[in-house]
Amino acid sequence: MKALELRSKTVDELNTELLEMRRAQFSMRMLQATQQLDKPDQVKKVRRDIARVRTVLAEKLKLA
């Protein structure tokens, strides 16, 4: 997900997005622990997307 896409969303939408990504990250970690995860690179991508969402949230809250 691009930062430009995230900046166009509201704070509530970003919080929802963050919650969904955290759930996806948890399920990927469980699959990785049991060696059932097909694409291990997805864990890295989700982690970075979570960081992007948190950064945009911080920016929005700082401006508000």
C-alpha atoms as a PDB file:
ATOM      1  CA  MET A   1       0.000   0.000   0.000  1.00  0.00           C
ATOM      2  CA  LYS A   2       1.295   3.411  -0.943  1.00  0.00           C
ATOM      3  CA  ALA A   3       1.585   6.305   1.497  1.00  0.00           C
ATOM      4  CA  LEU A   4      -0.399   8.523  -0.881  1.00  0.00           C
ATOM      5  CA  GLU A   5      -3.344   6.127  -0.681  1.00  0.00           C
ATOM      6  CA  LEU A   6      -3.136   6.153   3.101  1.00  0.00           C
ATOM      7  CA  ARG A   7      -3.013   9.940   3.361  1.00  0.00           C
ATOM      8  CA  SER A   8      -6.346  10.209   1.565  1.00  0.00           C
ATOM      9  CA  LYS A   9      -8.073   8.100   4.251  1.00  0.00           C
ATOM     10  CA  THR A  10      -9.559   9.343   7.501  1.00  0.00           C
ATOM     11  CA  VAL A  11      -8.188   8.517  10.944  1.00  0.00           C
ATOM     12  CA  ASP A  12     -10.985   5.997  11.553  1.00  0.00           C
ATOM     13  CA  GLU A  13     -10.285   4.259   8.261  1.00  0.00           C
ATOM     14  CA  LEU A  14      -6.583   4.123   9.093  1.00  0.00           C
ATOM     15  CA  ASN A  15      -7.299   2.616  12.498  1.00  0.00           C
ATOM     16  CA  THR A  16      -9.465  -0.039  10.847  1.00  0.00           C
ATOM     17  CA  GLU A  17      -6.759  -0.728   8.284  1.00  0.00           C
ATOM     18  CA  LEU A  18      -4.163  -1.039  11.048  1.00  0.00           C
ATOM     19  CA  LEU A  19      -6.320  -3.515  12.953  1.00  0.00           C
ATOM     20  CA  GLU A  20      -6.794  -5.675   9.861  1.00  0.00           C
ATOM     21  CA  MET A  21      -3.066  -5.661   9.136  1.00  0.00           C
ATOM     22  CA  ARG A  22      -2.205  -6.611  12.703  1.00  0.00           C
ATOM     23  CA  ARG A  23      -4.601  -9.565  12.472  1.00  0.00           C
ATOM     24  CA  ALA A  24      -3.043 -10.613   9.166  1.00  0.00           C
ATOM     25  CA  GLN A  25       0.419 -10.328  10.689  1.00  0.00           C
ATOM     26  CA  PHE A  26      -0.592 -12.514  13.626  1.00  0.00           C
ATOM     27  CA  SER A  27      -2.044 -15.216  11.414  1.00  0.00           C
ATOM     28  CA  MET A  28       1.066 -15.156   9.205  1.00  0.00           C
ATOM     29  CA  ARG A  29       3.289 -15.553  12.246  1.00  0.00           C
ATOM     30  CA  MET A  30       1.266 -18.567  13.348  1.00  0.00           C
ATOM     31  CA  LEU A  31       1.471 -20.113   9.888  1.00  0.00           C
ATOM     32  CA  GLN A  32       5.195 -19.425   9.765  1.00  0.00           C
ATOM     33  CA  ALA A  33       5.722 -21.074  13.143  1.00  0.00           C
ATOM     34  CA  THR A  34       4.021 -24.232  11.906  1.00  0.00           C
ATOM     35  CA  GLN A  35       5.878 -23.996   8.568  1.00  0.00           C
ATOM     36  CA  GLN A  36       2.667 -23.702   6.564  1.00  0.00           C
ATOM     37  CA  LEU A  37       3.277 -20.219   5.174  1.00  0.00           C
ATOM     38  CA  ASP A  38       3.713 -20.363   1.399  1.00  0.00           C
ATOM     39  CA  LYS A  39       5.188 -16.885   0.912  1.00  0.00           C
ATOM     40  CA  PRO A  40       7.452 -15.912   3.827  1.00  0.00           C
ATOM     41  CA  ASP A  41       8.230 -12.544   2.207  1.00  0.00           C
ATOM     42  CA  GLN A  42       4.640 -11.460   2.929  1.00  0.00           C
ATOM     43  CA  VAL A  43       5.501 -11.107   6.640  1.00  0.00           C
ATOM     44  CA  LYS A  44       8.034  -8.418   5.784  1.00  0.00           C
ATOM     45  CA  LYS A  45       5.586  -6.602   3.492  1.00  0.00           C
ATOM     46  CA  VAL A  46       2.821  -6.558   6.109  1.00  0.00           C
ATOM     47  CA  ARG A  47       5.238  -5.332   8.767  1.00  0.00           C
ATOM     48  CA  ARG A  48       6.292  -2.429   6.557  1.00  0.00           C
ATOM     49  CA  ASP A  49       2.680  -1.621   5.653  1.00  0.00           C
ATOM     50  CA  ILE A  50       1.864  -1.461   9.363  1.00  0.00           C
ATOM     51  CA  ALA A  51       4.736   0.989   9.830  1.00  0.00           C
ATOM     52  CA  ARG A  52       3.406   3.111   6.953  1.00  0.00           C
ATOM     53  CA  VAL A  53      -0.071   3.248   8.457  1.00  0.00           C
ATOM     54  CA  ARG A  54       1.325   4.185  11.860  1.00  0.00           C
ATOM     55  CA  THR A  55       3.457   6.923  10.317  1.00  0.00           C
ATOM     56  CA  VAL A  56       0.506   8.449   8.454  1.00  0.00           C
ATOM     57  CA  LEU A  57      -1.627   8.216  11.609  1.00  0.00           C
ATOM     58  CA  ALA A  58       1.047  10.057  13.562  1.00  0.00           C
ATOM     59  CA  GLU A  59       1.215  12.731  10.877  1.00  0.00           C
ATOM     60  CA  LYS A  60      -2.543  13.223  10.921  1.00  0.00           C
ATOM     61  CA  LEU A  61      -2.724  13.376  14.702  1.00  0.00           C
ATOM     62  CA  LYS A  62       0.141  15.865  14.825  1.00  0.00           C
ATOM     63  CA  LEU A  63      -1.616  18.167  12.368  1.00  0.00           C
ATOM     64  CA  ALA A  64      -4.976  17.917  14.104  1.00  0.00           C
END
